[in-house]
Amino acid sequence: MTKPEHTGYRELRFSQWIRDNLPGSRPPTCFTVFDVDFVLRNYKTNRLAMVEVKCKQRKPEGGQKLTIQLIDEIMRLGTAARNEHYGIRSMHWTYCGYWLLQFENTMVDDGRIWLNGHELTEEQLRYHLGEIVAPAGPGSPSQK
């Protein structure tokens, strides 16, 4: 069990404030803003993954897709460089990737579920997300 959220809902007013007060995404500024939906981190196994959640089976588009790819590449390279720098196995981290979780509707319990394009049941989703950061053994899921 994880700690409960303090709010229980996503506050959208800051998103609107950003859109109203920061530069636009069209040239010449080309400024974009995206949120990171979830970071799964297990500080016992030193594993970390990011999850982008999309409702109505949507996919990241345009700038968001490119930004996710950039963050994923930076995390992979940065984790490898950090592990090499410290050289101490107990300080090594495993970055497990940036995962795309899609719901047919809006949540696990109101339609079909896909993780990186593979349709899953709720039980399978629970297993796979848990295995990403706390693998039970060989054959644990990987992003590729």
C-alpha atoms as a PDB file:
ATOM      1  CA  MET A   1       0.000   0.000   0.000  1.00  0.00           C
ATOM      2  CA  THR A   2       1.304   3.460  -0.866  1.00  0.00           C
ATOM      3  CA  LYS A   3       0.687   6.732   0.924  1.00  0.00           C
ATOM      4  CA  PRO A   4      -2.685   8.301   0.074  1.00  0.00           C
ATOM      5  CA  GLU A   5      -2.789  11.395  -2.096  1.00  0.00           C
ATOM      6  CA  HIS A   6      -3.301  14.667  -0.296  1.00  0.00           C
ATOM      7  CA  THR A   7      -5.714  16.099  -2.841  1.00  0.00           C
ATOM      8  CA  GLY A   8      -7.445  13.122  -4.427  1.00  0.00           C
ATOM      9  CA  TYR A   9      -7.797  15.007  -7.695  1.00  0.00           C
ATOM     10  CA  ARG A  10      -5.613  16.734 -10.241  1.00  0.00           C
ATOM     11  CA  GLU A  11      -5.579  20.495  -9.958  1.00  0.00           C
ATOM     12  CA  LEU A  12      -5.907  21.939 -13.445  1.00  0.00           C
ATOM     13  CA  ARG A  13      -5.708  25.644 -12.608  1.00  0.00           C
ATOM     14  CA  PHE A  14      -1.906  25.701 -12.827  1.00  0.00           C
ATOM     15  CA  SER A  15      -2.050  24.137 -16.303  1.00  0.00           C
ATOM     16  CA  GLN A  16      -4.366  26.940 -17.377  1.00  0.00           C
ATOM     17  CA  TRP A  17      -2.119  29.536 -15.716  1.00  0.00           C
ATOM     18  CA  ILE A  18       0.850  28.203 -17.708  1.00  0.00           C
ATOM     19  CA  ARG A  19      -1.114  28.460 -20.945  1.00  0.00           C
ATOM     20  CA  ASP A  20      -2.218  31.989 -20.108  1.00  0.00           C
ATOM     21  CA  ASN A  21       1.123  33.337 -18.855  1.00  0.00           C
ATOM     22  CA  LEU A  22       4.004  31.573 -20.622  1.00  0.00           C
ATOM     23  CA  PRO A  23       5.065  31.754 -24.288  1.00  0.00           C
ATOM     24  CA  GLY A  24       3.085  29.810 -26.863  1.00  0.00           C
ATOM     25  CA  SER A  25       4.141  26.693 -28.735  1.00  0.00           C
ATOM     26  CA  ARG A  26       4.091  28.316 -32.159  1.00  0.00           C
ATOM     27  CA  PRO A  27       7.184  29.940 -33.700  1.00  0.00           C
ATOM     28  CA  PRO A  28       9.122  31.958 -32.829  1.00  0.00           C
ATOM     29  CA  THR A  29       9.034  30.745 -29.180  1.00  0.00           C
ATOM     30  CA  CYS A  30       8.179  27.030 -29.736  1.00  0.00           C
ATOM     31  CA  PHE A  31       7.640  26.647 -25.967  1.00  0.00           C
ATOM     32  CA  THR A  32       5.805  23.517 -24.771  1.00  0.00           C
ATOM     33  CA  VAL A  33       4.824  22.200 -21.350  1.00  0.00           C
ATOM     34  CA  PHE A  34       3.921  18.622 -20.368  1.00  0.00           C
ATOM     35  CA  ASP A  35       3.404  16.878 -17.060  1.00  0.00           C
ATOM     36  CA  VAL A  36       5.023  13.603 -16.032  1.00  0.00           C
ATOM     37  CA  ASP A  37       2.145  11.399 -14.948  1.00  0.00           C
ATOM     38  CA  PHE A  38       3.855   8.851 -12.686  1.00  0.00           C
ATOM     39  CA  VAL A  39       7.333   7.955 -11.513  1.00  0.00           C
ATOM     40  CA  LEU A  40       7.572   4.437 -10.053  1.00  0.00           C
ATOM     41  CA  ARG A  41      10.576   4.157  -7.764  1.00  0.00           C
ATOM     42  CA  ASN A  42      11.622   1.309  -5.531  1.00  0.00           C
ATOM     43  CA  TYR A  43      14.448   2.472  -3.280  1.00  0.00           C
ATOM     44  CA  LYS A  44      15.030  -1.088  -2.045  1.00  0.00           C
ATOM     45  CA  THR A  45      15.668  -2.553  -5.522  1.00  0.00           C
ATOM     46  CA  ASN A  46      17.043   0.738  -6.925  1.00  0.00           C
ATOM     47  CA  ARG A  47      14.671   0.582  -9.889  1.00  0.00           C
ATOM     48  CA  LEU A  48      12.864   3.492 -11.465  1.00  0.00           C
ATOM     49  CA  ALA A  49      10.321   3.804 -14.282  1.00  0.00           C
ATOM     50  CA  MET A  50       8.105   6.542 -15.681  1.00  0.00           C
ATOM     51  CA  VAL A  51       4.523   6.012 -16.813  1.00  0.00           C
ATOM     52  CA  GLU A  52       2.522   8.217 -19.171  1.00  0.00           C
ATOM     53  CA  VAL A  53      -1.228   7.638 -18.793  1.00  0.00           C
ATOM     54  CA  LYS A  54      -3.653   8.320 -21.629  1.00  0.00           C
ATOM     55  CA  CYS A  55      -7.431   8.012 -21.476  1.00  0.00           C
ATOM     56  CA  LYS A  56      -9.659   7.108 -24.423  1.00  0.00           C
ATOM     57  CA  GLN A  57      -6.734   5.067 -25.837  1.00  0.00           C
ATOM     58  CA  ARG A  58      -4.967   8.240 -26.943  1.00  0.00           C
ATOM     59  CA  LYS A  59      -1.255   8.372 -27.682  1.00  0.00           C
ATOM     60  CA  PRO A  60       1.304  11.082 -26.966  1.00  0.00           C
ATOM     61  CA  GLU A  61       1.443  13.355 -29.986  1.00  0.00           C
ATOM     62  CA  GLY A  62       3.941  15.731 -31.520  1.00  0.00           C
ATOM     63  CA  GLY A  63       5.998  17.597 -28.974  1.00  0.00           C
ATOM     64  CA  GLN A  64       4.931  15.397 -26.070  1.00  0.00           C
ATOM     65  CA  LYS A  65       6.034  12.244 -27.892  1.00  0.00           C
ATOM     66  CA  LEU A  66       9.409  13.813 -28.736  1.00  0.00           C
ATOM     67  CA  THR A  67       9.817  15.050 -25.147  1.00  0.00           C
ATOM     68  CA  ILE A  68       9.074  11.579 -23.732  1.00  0.00           C
ATOM     69  CA  GLN A  69      11.664  10.071 -26.091  1.00  0.00           C
ATOM     70  CA  LEU A  70      14.198  12.721 -25.024  1.00  0.00           C
ATOM     71  CA  ILE A  71      13.575  12.145 -21.294  1.00  0.00           C
ATOM     72  CA  ASP A  72      13.788   8.370 -21.830  1.00  0.00           C
ATOM     73  CA  GLU A  73      17.143   8.694 -23.631  1.00  0.00           C
ATOM     74  CA  ILE A  74      18.534  11.112 -21.025  1.00  0.00           C
ATOM     75  CA  MET A  75      17.460   8.779 -18.205  1.00  0.00           C
ATOM     76  CA  ARG A  76      19.054   5.743 -19.869  1.00  0.00           C
ATOM     77  CA  LEU A  77      22.340   7.542 -20.576  1.00  0.00           C
ATOM     78  CA  GLY A  78      22.336   9.367 -17.246  1.00  0.00           C
ATOM     79  CA  THR A  79      21.665   6.216 -15.239  1.00  0.00           C
ATOM     80  CA  ALA A  80      24.480   4.366 -17.019  1.00  0.00           C
ATOM     81  CA  ALA A  81      26.887   7.298 -16.515  1.00  0.00           C
ATOM     82  CA  ARG A  82      25.891   7.647 -12.849  1.00  0.00           C
ATOM     83  CA  ASN A  83      26.378   3.929 -12.218  1.00  0.00           C
ATOM     84  CA  GLU A  84      29.797   4.029 -13.900  1.00  0.00           C
ATOM     85  CA  HIS A  85      30.769   7.147 -11.946  1.00  0.00           C
ATOM     86  CA  TYR A  86      29.965   5.688  -8.527  1.00  0.00           C
ATOM     87  CA  GLY A  87      31.128   2.164  -9.337  1.00  0.00           C
ATOM     88  CA  ILE A  88      29.605   0.874  -6.099  1.00  0.00           C
ATOM     89  CA  ARG A  89      26.984  -1.781  -6.843  1.00  0.00           C
ATOM     90  CA  SER A  90      24.777  -0.760  -3.918  1.00  0.00           C
ATOM     91  CA  MET A  91      24.489   2.731  -5.442  1.00  0.00           C
ATOM     92  CA  HIS A  92      23.592   1.490  -8.962  1.00  0.00           C
ATOM     93  CA  TRP A  93      20.132   2.283 -10.318  1.00  0.00           C
ATOM     94  CA  THR A  94      18.212   0.453 -13.019  1.00  0.00           C
ATOM     95  CA  TYR A  95      16.103   2.692 -15.216  1.00  0.00           C
ATOM     96  CA  CYS A  96      13.215   0.568 -16.506  1.00  0.00           C
ATOM     97  CA  GLY A  97      11.956   2.940 -19.173  1.00  0.00           C
ATOM     98  CA  TYR A  98       9.109   5.281 -19.978  1.00  0.00           C
ATOM     99  CA  TRP A  99       5.933   3.226 -20.266  1.00  0.00           C
ATOM    100  CA  LEU A 100       2.678   4.143 -22.013  1.00  0.00           C
ATOM    101  CA  LEU A 101      -0.464   3.095 -20.135  1.00  0.00           C
ATOM    102  CA  GLN A 102      -3.686   3.548 -22.107  1.00  0.00           C
ATOM    103  CA  PHE A 103      -7.238   3.182 -20.897  1.00  0.00           C
ATOM    104  CA  GLU A 104     -10.156   2.559 -23.235  1.00  0.00           C
ATOM    105  CA  ASN A 105     -12.114   5.044 -21.149  1.00  0.00           C
ATOM    106  CA  THR A 106     -10.712   6.808 -18.088  1.00  0.00           C
ATOM    107  CA  MET A 107      -9.596   4.202 -15.543  1.00  0.00           C
ATOM    108  CA  VAL A 108      -8.595   0.585 -14.960  1.00  0.00           C
ATOM    109  CA  ASP A 109     -12.137  -0.472 -14.037  1.00  0.00           C
ATOM    110  CA  ASP A 110     -14.174   1.094 -16.869  1.00  0.00           C
ATOM    111  CA  GLY A 111     -12.785  -0.513 -20.025  1.00  0.00           C
ATOM    112  CA  ARG A 112      -9.851  -2.186 -21.675  1.00  0.00           C
ATOM    113  CA  ILE A 113      -6.196  -1.523 -20.695  1.00  0.00           C
ATOM    114  CA  TRP A 114      -2.975  -1.418 -22.752  1.00  0.00           C
ATOM    115  CA  LEU A 115       0.612  -1.200 -21.505  1.00  0.00           C
ATOM    116  CA  ASN A 116       3.069  -0.327 -24.286  1.00  0.00           C
ATOM    117  CA  GLY A 117       0.496  -1.487 -26.824  1.00  0.00           C
ATOM    118  CA  HIS A 118      -0.219  -4.862 -25.186  1.00  0.00           C
ATOM    119  CA  GLU A 119      -3.746  -5.413 -23.920  1.00  0.00           C
ATOM    120  CA  LEU A 120      -3.874  -6.508 -20.273  1.00  0.00           C
ATOM    121  CA  THR A 121      -6.379  -7.323 -17.580  1.00  0.00           C
ATOM    122  CA  GLU A 122      -6.330  -5.321 -14.347  1.00  0.00           C
ATOM    123  CA  GLU A 123      -4.582  -8.223 -12.618  1.00  0.00           C
ATOM    124  CA  GLN A 124      -1.932  -8.381 -15.361  1.00  0.00           C
ATOM    125  CA  LEU A 125      -1.425  -4.618 -15.122  1.00  0.00           C
ATOM    126  CA  ARG A 126      -0.885  -4.896 -11.358  1.00  0.00           C
ATOM    127  CA  TYR A 127       1.642  -7.665 -11.938  1.00  0.00           C
ATOM    128  CA  HIS A 128       3.555  -5.873 -14.715  1.00  0.00           C
ATOM    129  CA  LEU A 129       3.774  -2.499 -12.970  1.00  0.00           C
ATOM    130  CA  GLY A 130       4.952  -4.271  -9.815  1.00  0.00           C
ATOM    131  CA  GLU A 131       7.509  -6.313 -11.753  1.00  0.00           C
ATOM    132  CA  ILE A 132       8.931  -3.194 -13.397  1.00  0.00           C
ATOM    133  CA  VAL A 133      10.255  -1.869 -10.116  1.00  0.00           C
ATOM    134  CA  ALA A 134      10.372  -5.011  -7.951  1.00  0.00           C
ATOM    135  CA  PRO A 135      11.014  -8.013 -10.213  1.00  0.00           C
ATOM    136  CA  ALA A 136      10.336 -11.453  -8.797  1.00  0.00           C
ATOM    137  CA  GLY A 137      12.691 -13.253 -11.167  1.00  0.00           C
ATOM    138  CA  PRO A 138      13.644 -13.985 -14.773  1.00  0.00           C
ATOM    139  CA  GLY A 139      11.185 -12.971 -17.443  1.00  0.00           C
ATOM    140  CA  SER A 140      10.165  -9.711 -15.803  1.00  0.00           C
ATOM    141  CA  PRO A 141       8.705  -7.215 -18.269  1.00  0.00           C
ATOM    142  CA  SER A 142      10.930  -4.819 -20.134  1.00  0.00           C
ATOM    143  CA  GLN A 143      10.046  -1.838 -22.234  1.00  0.00           C
ATOM    144  CA  LYS A 144      11.284  -3.246 -25.521  1.00  0.00           C
END
